[in-house]
Amino acid sequence: LLAVRLETGRTHQIRVHFSALRHPLVGDPLYGCDPVLAARLGL
């Protein structure tokens, strides 16, 4: 669980940045999340 502060506000910025670090947001299939985990959590 992260606290994230945006300095800029680009489209999908948080989702793109953490996907690039190989830490996609849970429940975000567009940017590479684990669909099995998302389904288990009901997201």
ModelCIF file with pLDDT and N, C-alpha, C, O atoms, coordinates in Angstrom:
data_MODEL
#
_entry.id   MODEL 
#
_entity.id                         1 
_entity.type                       polymer 
_entity.pdbx_number_of_molecules   1 
#
_entity_poly.entity_id                      1 
_entity_poly.type                           'polypeptide(L)' 
_entity_poly.nstd_linkage                   no 
_entity_poly.nstd_monomer                   no 
_entity_poly.pdbx_seq_one_letter_code       LLAVRLETGRTHQIRVHFSALRHPLVGDPLYGCDPVLAARLGL 
_entity_poly.pdbx_seq_one_letter_code_can   LLAVRLETGRTHQIRVHFSALRHPLVGDPLYGCDPVLAARLGL 
_entity_poly.pdbx_strand_id                 A 
#
loop_
_entity_poly_seq.entity_id 
_entity_poly_seq.num 
_entity_poly_seq.mon_id 
_entity_poly_seq.hetero 
1 1  LEU n 
1 2  LEU n 
1 3  ALA n 
1 4  VAL n 
1 5  ARG n 
1 6  LEU n 
1 7  GLU n 
1 8  THR n 
1 9  GLY n 
1 10 ARG n 
1 11 THR n 
1 12 HIS n 
1 13 GLN n 
1 14 ILE n 
1 15 ARG n 
1 16 VAL n 
1 17 HIS n 
1 18 PHE n 
1 19 SER n 
1 20 ALA n 
1 21 LEU n 
1 22 ARG n 
1 23 HIS n 
1 24 PRO n 
1 25 LEU n 
1 26 VAL n 
1 27 GLY n 
1 28 ASP n 
1 29 PRO n 
1 30 LEU n 
1 31 TYR n 
1 32 GLY n 
1 33 CYS n 
1 34 ASP n 
1 35 PRO n 
1 36 VAL n 
1 37 LEU n 
1 38 ALA n 
1 39 ALA n 
1 40 ARG n 
1 41 LEU n 
1 42 GLY n 
1 43 LEU n 
#
_struct_asym.id          A 
_struct_asym.entity_id   1 
#
loop_
_ma_qa_metric.id 
_ma_qa_metric.mode 
_ma_qa_metric.name 
_ma_qa_metric.software_group_id 
_ma_qa_metric.type 
1 global pLDDT . pLDDT 
2 local  pLDDT . pLDDT 
#
_ma_qa_metric_global.metric_id      1 
_ma_qa_metric_global.metric_value   95.91 
_ma_qa_metric_global.model_id       1 
_ma_qa_metric_global.ordinal_id     1 
#
loop_
_ma_qa_metric_local.label_asym_id 
_ma_qa_metric_local.label_comp_id 
_ma_qa_metric_local.label_seq_id 
_ma_qa_metric_local.metric_id 
_ma_qa_metric_local.metric_value 
_ma_qa_metric_local.model_id 
_ma_qa_metric_local.ordinal_id 
A LEU 1  2 98.00 1 1  
A LEU 2  2 98.00 1 2  
A ALA 3  2 98.00 1 3  
A VAL 4  2 98.00 1 4  
A ARG 5  2 98.00 1 5  
A LEU 6  2 95.00 1 6  
A GLU 7  2 94.00 1 7  
A THR 8  2 93.00 1 8  
A GLY 9  2 90.00 1 9  
A ARG 10 2 90.00 1 10 
A THR 11 2 89.00 1 11 
A HIS 12 2 95.00 1 12 
A GLN 13 2 96.00 1 13 
A ILE 14 2 98.00 1 14 
A ARG 15 2 97.00 1 15 
A VAL 16 2 97.00 1 16 
A HIS 17 2 98.00 1 17 
A PHE 18 2 98.00 1 18 
A SER 19 2 97.00 1 19 
A ALA 20 2 97.00 1 20 
A LEU 21 2 97.00 1 21 
A ARG 22 2 97.00 1 22 
A HIS 23 2 98.00 1 23 
A PRO 24 2 98.00 1 24 
A LEU 25 2 98.00 1 25 
A VAL 26 2 98.00 1 26 
A GLY 27 2 97.00 1 27 
A ASP 28 2 96.00 1 28 
A PRO 29 2 94.00 1 29 
A LEU 30 2 93.00 1 30 
A TYR 31 2 95.00 1 31 
A GLY 32 2 94.00 1 32 
A CYS 33 2 96.00 1 33 
A ASP 34 2 96.00 1 34 
A PRO 35 2 94.00 1 35 
A VAL 36 2 96.00 1 36 
A LEU 37 2 96.00 1 37 
A ALA 38 2 96.00 1 38 
A ALA 39 2 96.00 1 39 
A ARG 40 2 96.00 1 40 
A LEU 41 2 97.00 1 41 
A GLY 42 2 96.00 1 42 
A LEU 43 2 96.00 1 43 
#
loop_
_atom_site.group_PDB 
_atom_site.id 
_atom_site.type_symbol 
_atom_site.label_atom_id 
_atom_site.label_alt_id 
_atom_site.label_comp_id 
_atom_site.label_asym_id 
_atom_site.label_entity_id 
_atom_site.label_seq_id 
_atom_site.pdbx_PDB_ins_code 
_atom_site.Cartn_x 
_atom_site.Cartn_y 
_atom_site.Cartn_z 
_atom_site.occupancy 
_atom_site.B_iso_or_equiv 
_atom_site.pdbx_formal_charge 
_atom_site.auth_seq_id 
_atom_site.auth_comp_id 
_atom_site.auth_asym_id 
_atom_site.auth_atom_id 
_atom_site.pdbx_PDB_model_num 
ATOM 1   N N  . LEU A 1 1  ? 0.860   -1.179  0.000   1.00 98.00 ? 1  LEU A N  1 
ATOM 2   C CA . LEU A 1 1  ? 0.000   0.000   0.000   1.00 98.00 ? 1  LEU A CA 1 
ATOM 3   C C  . LEU A 1 1  ? 0.896   1.228   0.000   1.00 98.00 ? 1  LEU A C  1 
ATOM 4   O O  . LEU A 1 1  ? 1.763   1.366   0.863   1.00 98.00 ? 1  LEU A O  1 
ATOM 5   N N  . LEU A 1 2  ? 0.693   2.117   -0.959  1.00 98.00 ? 2  LEU A N  1 
ATOM 6   C CA . LEU A 1 2  ? 1.541   3.292   -1.119  1.00 98.00 ? 2  LEU A CA 1 
ATOM 7   C C  . LEU A 1 2  ? 0.733   4.577   -0.943  1.00 98.00 ? 2  LEU A C  1 
ATOM 8   O O  . LEU A 1 2  ? -0.456  4.633   -1.257  1.00 98.00 ? 2  LEU A O  1 
ATOM 9   N N  . ALA A 1 3  ? 1.404   5.595   -0.439  1.00 98.00 ? 3  ALA A N  1 
ATOM 10  C CA . ALA A 1 3  ? 0.895   6.962   -0.507  1.00 98.00 ? 3  ALA A CA 1 
ATOM 11  C C  . ALA A 1 3  ? 1.621   7.605   -1.680  1.00 98.00 ? 3  ALA A C  1 
ATOM 12  O O  . ALA A 1 3  ? 2.851   7.633   -1.718  1.00 98.00 ? 3  ALA A O  1 
ATOM 13  N N  . VAL A 1 4  ? 0.863   8.115   -2.628  1.00 98.00 ? 4  VAL A N  1 
ATOM 14  C CA . VAL A 1 4  ? 1.440   8.647   -3.866  1.00 98.00 ? 4  VAL A CA 1 
ATOM 15  C C  . VAL A 1 4  ? 1.059   10.120  -4.006  1.00 98.00 ? 4  VAL A C  1 
ATOM 16  O O  . VAL A 1 4  ? -0.110  10.488  -3.888  1.00 98.00 ? 4  VAL A O  1 
ATOM 17  N N  . ARG A 1 5  ? 2.059   10.945  -4.256  1.00 98.00 ? 5  ARG A N  1 
ATOM 18  C CA . ARG A 1 5  ? 1.807   12.370  -4.479  1.00 98.00 ? 5  ARG A CA 1 
ATOM 19  C C  . ARG A 1 5  ? 2.231   12.717  -5.904  1.00 98.00 ? 5  ARG A C  1 
ATOM 20  O O  . ARG A 1 5  ? 3.364   12.465  -6.313  1.00 98.00 ? 5  ARG A O  1 
ATOM 21  N N  . LEU A 1 6  ? 1.305   13.293  -6.638  1.00 95.00 ? 6  LEU A N  1 
ATOM 22  C CA . LEU A 1 6  ? 1.591   13.663  -8.018  1.00 95.00 ? 6  LEU A CA 1 
ATOM 23  C C  . LEU A 1 6  ? 2.138   15.078  -8.090  1.00 95.00 ? 6  LEU A C  1 
ATOM 24  O O  . LEU A 1 6  ? 1.554   16.020  -7.554  1.00 95.00 ? 6  LEU A O  1 
ATOM 25  N N  . GLU A 1 7  ? 3.270   15.204  -8.762  1.00 94.00 ? 7  GLU A N  1 
ATOM 26  C CA . GLU A 1 7  ? 3.801   16.538  -9.050  1.00 94.00 ? 7  GLU A CA 1 
ATOM 27  C C  . GLU A 1 7  ? 3.203   17.049  -10.357 1.00 94.00 ? 7  GLU A C  1 
ATOM 28  O O  . GLU A 1 7  ? 2.853   18.222  -10.480 1.00 94.00 ? 7  GLU A O  1 
ATOM 29  N N  . THR A 1 8  ? 3.094   16.146  -11.329 1.00 93.00 ? 8  THR A N  1 
ATOM 30  C CA . THR A 1 8  ? 2.394   16.452  -12.580 1.00 93.00 ? 8  THR A CA 1 
ATOM 31  C C  . THR A 1 8  ? 1.110   15.630  -12.585 1.00 93.00 ? 8  THR A C  1 
ATOM 32  O O  . THR A 1 8  ? 0.869   14.845  -11.668 1.00 93.00 ? 8  THR A O  1 
ATOM 33  N N  . GLY A 1 9  ? 0.294   15.807  -13.604 1.00 90.00 ? 9  GLY A N  1 
ATOM 34  C CA . GLY A 1 9  ? -0.980  15.087  -13.646 1.00 90.00 ? 9  GLY A CA 1 
ATOM 35  C C  . GLY A 1 9  ? -1.290  14.559  -15.024 1.00 90.00 ? 9  GLY A C  1 
ATOM 36  O O  . GLY A 1 9  ? -2.308  14.916  -15.616 1.00 90.00 ? 9  GLY A O  1 
ATOM 37  N N  . ARG A 1 10 ? -0.419  13.708  -15.541 1.00 90.00 ? 10 ARG A N  1 
ATOM 38  C CA . ARG A 1 10 ? -0.616  13.161  -16.885 1.00 90.00 ? 10 ARG A CA 1 
ATOM 39  C C  . ARG A 1 10 ? -1.639  12.026  -16.876 1.00 90.00 ? 10 ARG A C  1 
ATOM 40  O O  . ARG A 1 10 ? -1.900  11.412  -15.842 1.00 90.00 ? 10 ARG A O  1 
ATOM 41  N N  . THR A 1 11 ? -2.203  11.765  -18.036 1.00 89.00 ? 11 THR A N  1 
ATOM 42  C CA . THR A 1 11 ? -3.169  10.685  -18.160 1.00 89.00 ? 11 THR A CA 1 
ATOM 43  C C  . THR A 1 11 ? -2.549  9.352   -17.741 1.00 89.00 ? 11 THR A C  1 
ATOM 44  O O  . THR A 1 11 ? -1.485  8.972   -18.230 1.00 89.00 ? 11 THR A O  1 
ATOM 45  N N  . HIS A 1 12 ? -3.227  8.645   -16.830 1.00 95.00 ? 12 HIS A N  1 
ATOM 46  C CA . HIS A 1 12 ? -2.794  7.325   -16.351 1.00 95.00 ? 12 HIS A CA 1 
ATOM 47  C C  . HIS A 1 12 ? -1.423  7.360   -15.675 1.00 95.00 ? 12 HIS A C  1 
ATOM 48  O O  . HIS A 1 12 ? -0.764  6.324   -15.591 1.00 95.00 ? 12 HIS A O  1 
ATOM 49  N N  . GLN A 1 13 ? -0.981  8.501   -15.199 1.00 96.00 ? 13 GLN A N  1 
ATOM 50  C CA . GLN A 1 13 ? 0.406   8.647   -14.744 1.00 96.00 ? 13 GLN A CA 1 
ATOM 51  C C  . GLN A 1 13 ? 0.815   7.611   -13.698 1.00 96.00 ? 13 GLN A C  1 
ATOM 52  O O  . GLN A 1 13 ? 1.834   6.940   -13.858 1.00 96.00 ? 13 GLN A O  1 
ATOM 53  N N  . ILE A 1 14 ? 0.035   7.478   -12.637 1.00 98.00 ? 14 ILE A N  1 
ATOM 54  C CA . ILE A 1 14 ? 0.394   6.529   -11.581 1.00 98.00 ? 14 ILE A CA 1 
ATOM 55  C C  . ILE A 1 14 ? 0.418   5.118   -12.128 1.00 98.00 ? 14 ILE A C  1 
ATOM 56  O O  . ILE A 1 14 ? 1.336   4.352   -11.836 1.00 98.00 ? 14 ILE A O  1 
ATOM 57  N N  . ARG A 1 15 ? -0.575  4.769   -12.912 1.00 97.00 ? 15 ARG A N  1 
ATOM 58  C CA . ARG A 1 15 ? -0.674  3.426   -13.464 1.00 97.00 ? 15 ARG A CA 1 
ATOM 59  C C  . ARG A 1 15 ? 0.513   3.117   -14.379 1.00 97.00 ? 15 ARG A C  1 
ATOM 60  O O  . ARG A 1 15 ? 1.080   2.026   -14.324 1.00 97.00 ? 15 ARG A O  1 
ATOM 61  N N  . VAL A 1 16 ? 0.881   4.081   -15.213 1.00 97.00 ? 16 VAL A N  1 
ATOM 62  C CA . VAL A 1 16 ? 1.994   3.889   -16.145 1.00 97.00 ? 16 VAL A CA 1 
ATOM 63  C C  . VAL A 1 16 ? 3.324   3.777   -15.396 1.00 97.00 ? 16 VAL A C  1 
ATOM 64  O O  . VAL A 1 16 ? 4.126   2.887   -15.678 1.00 97.00 ? 16 VAL A O  1 
ATOM 65  N N  . HIS A 1 17 ? 3.552   4.671   -14.454 1.00 98.00 ? 17 HIS A N  1 
ATOM 66  C CA . HIS A 1 17 ? 4.835   4.681   -13.756 1.00 98.00 ? 17 HIS A CA 1 
ATOM 67  C C  . HIS A 1 17 ? 5.086   3.394   -12.974 1.00 98.00 ? 17 HIS A C  1 
ATOM 68  O O  . HIS A 1 17 ? 6.190   2.851   -13.017 1.00 98.00 ? 17 HIS A O  1 
ATOM 69  N N  . PHE A 1 18 ? 4.081   2.904   -12.265 1.00 98.00 ? 18 PHE A N  1 
ATOM 70  C CA . PHE A 1 18 ? 4.324   1.690   -11.480 1.00 98.00 ? 18 PHE A CA 1 
ATOM 71  C C  . PHE A 1 18 ? 4.335   0.442   -12.346 1.00 98.00 ? 18 PHE A C  1 
ATOM 72  O O  . PHE A 1 18 ? 4.979   -0.546  -11.996 1.00 98.00 ? 18 PHE A O  1 
ATOM 73  N N  . SER A 1 19 ? 3.637   0.470   -13.463 1.00 97.00 ? 19 SER A N  1 
ATOM 74  C CA . SER A 1 19 ? 3.756   -0.628  -14.411 1.00 97.00 ? 19 SER A CA 1 
ATOM 75  C C  . SER A 1 19 ? 5.169   -0.686  -14.981 1.00 97.00 ? 19 SER A C  1 
ATOM 76  O O  . SER A 1 19 ? 5.723   -1.768  -15.172 1.00 97.00 ? 19 SER A O  1 
ATOM 77  N N  . ALA A 1 20 ? 5.752   0.490   -15.253 1.00 97.00 ? 20 ALA A N  1 
ATOM 78  C CA . ALA A 1 20 ? 7.116   0.541   -15.779 1.00 97.00 ? 20 ALA A CA 1 
ATOM 79  C C  . ALA A 1 20 ? 8.130   -0.002  -14.776 1.00 97.00 ? 20 ALA A C  1 
ATOM 80  O O  . ALA A 1 20 ? 9.183   -0.507  -15.164 1.00 97.00 ? 20 ALA A O  1 
ATOM 81  N N  . LEU A 1 21 ? 7.812   0.101   -13.489 1.00 97.00 ? 21 LEU A N  1 
ATOM 82  C CA . LEU A 1 21 ? 8.696   -0.433  -12.443 1.00 97.00 ? 21 LEU A CA 1 
ATOM 83  C C  . LEU A 1 21 ? 8.421   -1.906  -12.168 1.00 97.00 ? 21 LEU A C  1 
ATOM 84  O O  . LEU A 1 21 ? 9.013   -2.499  -11.266 1.00 97.00 ? 21 LEU A O  1 
ATOM 85  N N  . ARG A 1 22 ? 7.525   -2.489  -12.947 1.00 97.00 ? 22 ARG A N  1 
ATOM 86  C CA . ARG A 1 22 ? 7.104   -3.886  -12.774 1.00 97.00 ? 22 ARG A CA 1 
ATOM 87  C C  . ARG A 1 22 ? 6.347   -4.087  -11.467 1.00 97.00 ? 22 ARG A C  1 
ATOM 88  O O  . ARG A 1 22 ? 6.403   -5.159  -10.864 1.00 97.00 ? 22 ARG A O  1 
ATOM 89  N N  . HIS A 1 23 ? 5.651   -3.062  -11.044 1.00 98.00 ? 23 HIS A N  1 
ATOM 90  C CA . HIS A 1 23 ? 4.773   -3.123  -9.880  1.00 98.00 ? 23 HIS A CA 1 
ATOM 91  C C  . HIS A 1 23 ? 3.414   -2.537  -10.266 1.00 98.00 ? 23 HIS A C  1 
ATOM 92  O O  . HIS A 1 23 ? 3.011   -1.502  -9.734  1.00 98.00 ? 23 HIS A O  1 
ATOM 93  N N  . PRO A 1 24 ? 2.703   -3.200  -11.199 1.00 98.00 ? 24 PRO A N  1 
ATOM 94  C CA . PRO A 1 24 ? 1.420   -2.646  -11.644 1.00 98.00 ? 24 PRO A CA 1 
ATOM 95  C C  . PRO A 1 24 ? 0.417   -2.560  -10.499 1.00 98.00 ? 24 PRO A C  1 
ATOM 96  O O  . PRO A 1 24 ? 0.517   -3.288  -9.512  1.00 98.00 ? 24 PRO A O  1 
ATOM 97  N N  . LEU A 1 25 ? -0.541  -1.669  -10.648 1.00 98.00 ? 25 LEU A N  1 
ATOM 98  C CA . LEU A 1 25 ? -1.581  -1.559  -9.644  1.00 98.00 ? 25 LEU A CA 1 
ATOM 99  C C  . LEU A 1 25 ? -2.424  -2.836  -9.623  1.00 98.00 ? 25 LEU A C  1 
ATOM 100 O O  . LEU A 1 25 ? -2.747  -3.402  -10.668 1.00 98.00 ? 25 LEU A O  1 
ATOM 101 N N  . VAL A 1 26 ? -2.763  -3.265  -8.439  1.00 98.00 ? 26 VAL A N  1 
ATOM 102 C CA . VAL A 1 26 ? -3.651  -4.412  -8.293  1.00 98.00 ? 26 VAL A CA 1 
ATOM 103 C C  . VAL A 1 26 ? -4.980  -4.080  -8.967  1.00 98.00 ? 26 VAL A C  1 
ATOM 104 O O  . VAL A 1 26 ? -5.546  -3.007  -8.755  1.00 98.00 ? 26 VAL A O  1 
ATOM 105 N N  . GLY A 1 27 ? -5.469  -5.012  -9.779  1.00 97.00 ? 27 GLY A N  1 
ATOM 106 C CA . GLY A 1 27 ? -6.756  -4.817  -10.445 1.00 97.00 ? 27 GLY A CA 1 
ATOM 107 C C  . GLY A 1 27 ? -6.700  -4.017  -11.722 1.00 97.00 ? 27 GLY A C  1 
ATOM 108 O O  . GLY A 1 27 ? -7.739  -3.571  -12.208 1.00 97.00 ? 27 GLY A O  1 
ATOM 109 N N  . ASP A 1 28 ? -5.509  -3.816  -12.290 1.00 96.00 ? 28 ASP A N  1 
ATOM 110 C CA . ASP A 1 28 ? -5.359  -2.976  -13.482 1.00 96.00 ? 28 ASP A CA 1 
ATOM 111 C C  . ASP A 1 28 ? -4.844  -3.791  -14.663 1.00 96.00 ? 28 ASP A C  1 
ATOM 112 O O  . ASP A 1 28 ? -3.649  -3.753  -14.952 1.00 96.00 ? 28 ASP A O  1 
ATOM 113 N N  . PRO A 1 29 ? -5.728  -4.538  -15.363 1.00 94.00 ? 29 PRO A N  1 
ATOM 114 C CA . PRO A 1 29 ? -5.271  -5.404  -16.454 1.00 94.00 ? 29 PRO A CA 1 
ATOM 115 C C  . PRO A 1 29 ? -4.662  -4.644  -17.625 1.00 94.00 ? 29 PRO A C  1 
ATOM 116 O O  . PRO A 1 29 ? -3.818  -5.189  -18.336 1.00 94.00 ? 29 PRO A O  1 
ATOM 117 N N  . LEU A 1 30 ? -5.077  -3.389  -17.842 1.00 93.00 ? 30 LEU A N  1 
ATOM 118 C CA . LEU A 1 30 ? -4.520  -2.616  -18.958 1.00 93.00 ? 30 LEU A CA 1 
ATOM 119 C C  . LEU A 1 30 ? -3.017  -2.449  -18.804 1.00 93.00 ? 30 LEU A C  1 
ATOM 120 O O  . LEU A 1 30 ? -2.301  -2.350  -19.801 1.00 93.00 ? 30 LEU A O  1 
ATOM 121 N N  . TYR A 1 31 ? -2.531  -2.417  -17.569 1.00 95.00 ? 31 TYR A N  1 
ATOM 122 C CA . TYR A 1 31 ? -1.109  -2.190  -17.325 1.00 95.00 ? 31 TYR A CA 1 
ATOM 123 C C  . TYR A 1 31 ? -0.423  -3.385  -16.642 1.00 95.00 ? 31 TYR A C  1 
ATOM 124 O O  . TYR A 1 31 ? 0.578   -3.214  -15.945 1.00 95.00 ? 31 TYR A O  1 
ATOM 125 N N  . GLY A 1 32 ? -0.964  -4.587  -16.844 1.00 94.00 ? 32 GLY A N  1 
ATOM 126 C CA . GLY A 1 32 ? -0.216  -5.786  -16.503 1.00 94.00 ? 32 GLY A CA 1 
ATOM 127 C C  . GLY A 1 32 ? -0.439  -6.389  -15.140 1.00 94.00 ? 32 GLY A C  1 
ATOM 128 O O  . GLY A 1 32 ? 0.445   -7.083  -14.637 1.00 94.00 ? 32 GLY A O  1 
ATOM 129 N N  . CYS A 1 33 ? -1.586  -6.155  -14.514 1.00 96.00 ? 33 CYS A N  1 
ATOM 130 C CA . CYS A 1 33 ? -1.817  -6.765  -13.207 1.00 96.00 ? 33 CYS A CA 1 
ATOM 131 C C  . CYS A 1 33 ? -2.050  -8.267  -13.348 1.00 96.00 ? 33 CYS A C  1 
ATOM 132 O O  . CYS A 1 33 ? -2.269  -8.775  -14.447 1.00 96.00 ? 33 CYS A O  1 
ATOM 133 N N  . ASP A 1 34 ? -1.999  -8.963  -12.224 1.00 96.00 ? 34 ASP A N  1 
ATOM 134 C CA . ASP A 1 34 ? -2.305  -10.389 -12.170 1.00 96.00 ? 34 ASP A CA 1 
ATOM 135 C C  . ASP A 1 34 ? -3.827  -10.538 -12.122 1.00 96.00 ? 34 ASP A C  1 
ATOM 136 O O  . ASP A 1 34 ? -4.436  -10.186 -11.111 1.00 96.00 ? 34 ASP A O  1 
ATOM 137 N N  . PRO A 1 35 ? -4.459  -11.044 -13.178 1.00 94.00 ? 35 PRO A N  1 
ATOM 138 C CA . PRO A 1 35 ? -5.919  -11.145 -13.184 1.00 94.00 ? 35 PRO A CA 1 
ATOM 139 C C  . PRO A 1 35 ? -6.456  -12.118 -12.147 1.00 94.00 ? 35 PRO A C  1 
ATOM 140 O O  . PRO A 1 35 ? -7.579  -11.960 -11.668 1.00 94.00 ? 35 PRO A O  1 
ATOM 141 N N  . VAL A 1 36 ? -5.658  -13.127 -11.798 1.00 96.00 ? 36 VAL A N  1 
ATOM 142 C CA . VAL A 1 36 ? -6.091  -14.100 -10.789 1.00 96.00 ? 36 VAL A CA 1 
ATOM 143 C C  . VAL A 1 36 ? -6.220  -13.421 -9.427  1.00 96.00 ? 36 VAL A C  1 
ATOM 144 O O  . VAL A 1 36 ? -7.192  -13.642 -8.704  1.00 96.00 ? 36 VAL A O  1 
ATOM 145 N N  . LEU A 1 37 ? -5.233  -12.592 -9.084  1.00 96.00 ? 37 LEU A N  1 
ATOM 146 C CA . LEU A 1 37 ? -5.277  -11.863 -7.818  1.00 96.00 ? 37 LEU A CA 1 
ATOM 147 C C  . LEU A 1 37 ? -6.462  -10.901 -7.803  1.00 96.00 ? 37 LEU A C  1 
ATOM 148 O O  . LEU A 1 37 ? -7.178  -10.815 -6.805  1.00 96.00 ? 37 LEU A O  1 
ATOM 149 N N  . ALA A 1 38 ? -6.673  -10.182 -8.896  1.00 96.00 ? 38 ALA A N  1 
ATOM 150 C CA . ALA A 1 38 ? -7.790  -9.241  -8.961  1.00 96.00 ? 38 ALA A CA 1 
ATOM 151 C C  . ALA A 1 38 ? -9.121  -9.959  -8.770  1.00 96.00 ? 38 ALA A C  1 
ATOM 152 O O  . ALA A 1 38 ? -10.003 -9.461  -8.070  1.00 96.00 ? 38 ALA A O  1 
ATOM 153 N N  . ALA A 1 39 ? -9.265  -11.125 -9.389  1.00 96.00 ? 39 ALA A N  1 
ATOM 154 C CA . ALA A 1 39 ? -10.507 -11.888 -9.263  1.00 96.00 ? 39 ALA A CA 1 
ATOM 155 C C  . ALA A 1 39 ? -10.704 -12.367 -7.832  1.00 96.00 ? 39 ALA A C  1 
ATOM 156 O O  . ALA A 1 39 ? -11.817 -12.329 -7.307  1.00 96.00 ? 39 ALA A O  1 
ATOM 157 N N  . ARG A 1 40 ? -9.626  -12.817 -7.203  1.00 96.00 ? 40 ARG A N  1 
ATOM 158 C CA . ARG A 1 40 ? -9.720  -13.285 -5.815  1.00 96.00 ? 40 ARG A CA 1 
ATOM 159 C C  . ARG A 1 40 ? -10.171 -12.177 -4.879  1.00 96.00 ? 40 ARG A C  1 
ATOM 160 O O  . ARG A 1 40 ? -10.895 -12.419 -3.914  1.00 96.00 ? 40 ARG A O  1 
ATOM 161 N N  . LEU A 1 41 ? -9.733  -10.953 -5.175  1.00 97.00 ? 41 LEU A N  1 
ATOM 162 C CA . LEU A 1 41 ? -10.085 -9.816  -4.339  1.00 97.00 ? 41 LEU A CA 1 
ATOM 163 C C  . LEU A 1 41 ? -11.424 -9.193  -4.718  1.00 97.00 ? 41 LEU A C  1 
ATOM 164 O O  . LEU A 1 41 ? -11.904 -8.286  -4.038  1.00 97.00 ? 41 LEU A O  1 
ATOM 165 N N  . GLY A 1 42 ? -12.030 -9.682  -5.808  1.00 96.00 ? 42 GLY A N  1 
ATOM 166 C CA . GLY A 1 42 ? -13.307 -9.145  -6.245  1.00 96.00 ? 42 GLY A CA 1 
ATOM 167 C C  . GLY A 1 42 ? -13.204 -7.756  -6.862  1.00 96.00 ? 42 GLY A C  1 
ATOM 168 O O  . GLY A 1 42 ? -14.183 -7.011  -6.891  1.00 96.00 ? 42 GLY A O  1 
ATOM 169 N N  . LEU A 1 43 ? -12.008 -7.405  -7.358  1.00 96.00 ? 43 LEU A N  1 
ATOM 170 C CA . LEU A 1 43 ? -11.804 -6.072  -7.927  1.00 96.00 ? 43 LEU A CA 1 
ATOM 171 C C  . LEU A 1 43 ? -12.179 -6.037  -9.407  1.00 96.00 ? 43 LEU A C  1 
ATOM 172 O O  . LEU A 1 43 ? -12.069 -4.991  -10.046 1.00 96.00 ? 43 LEU A O  1 
#
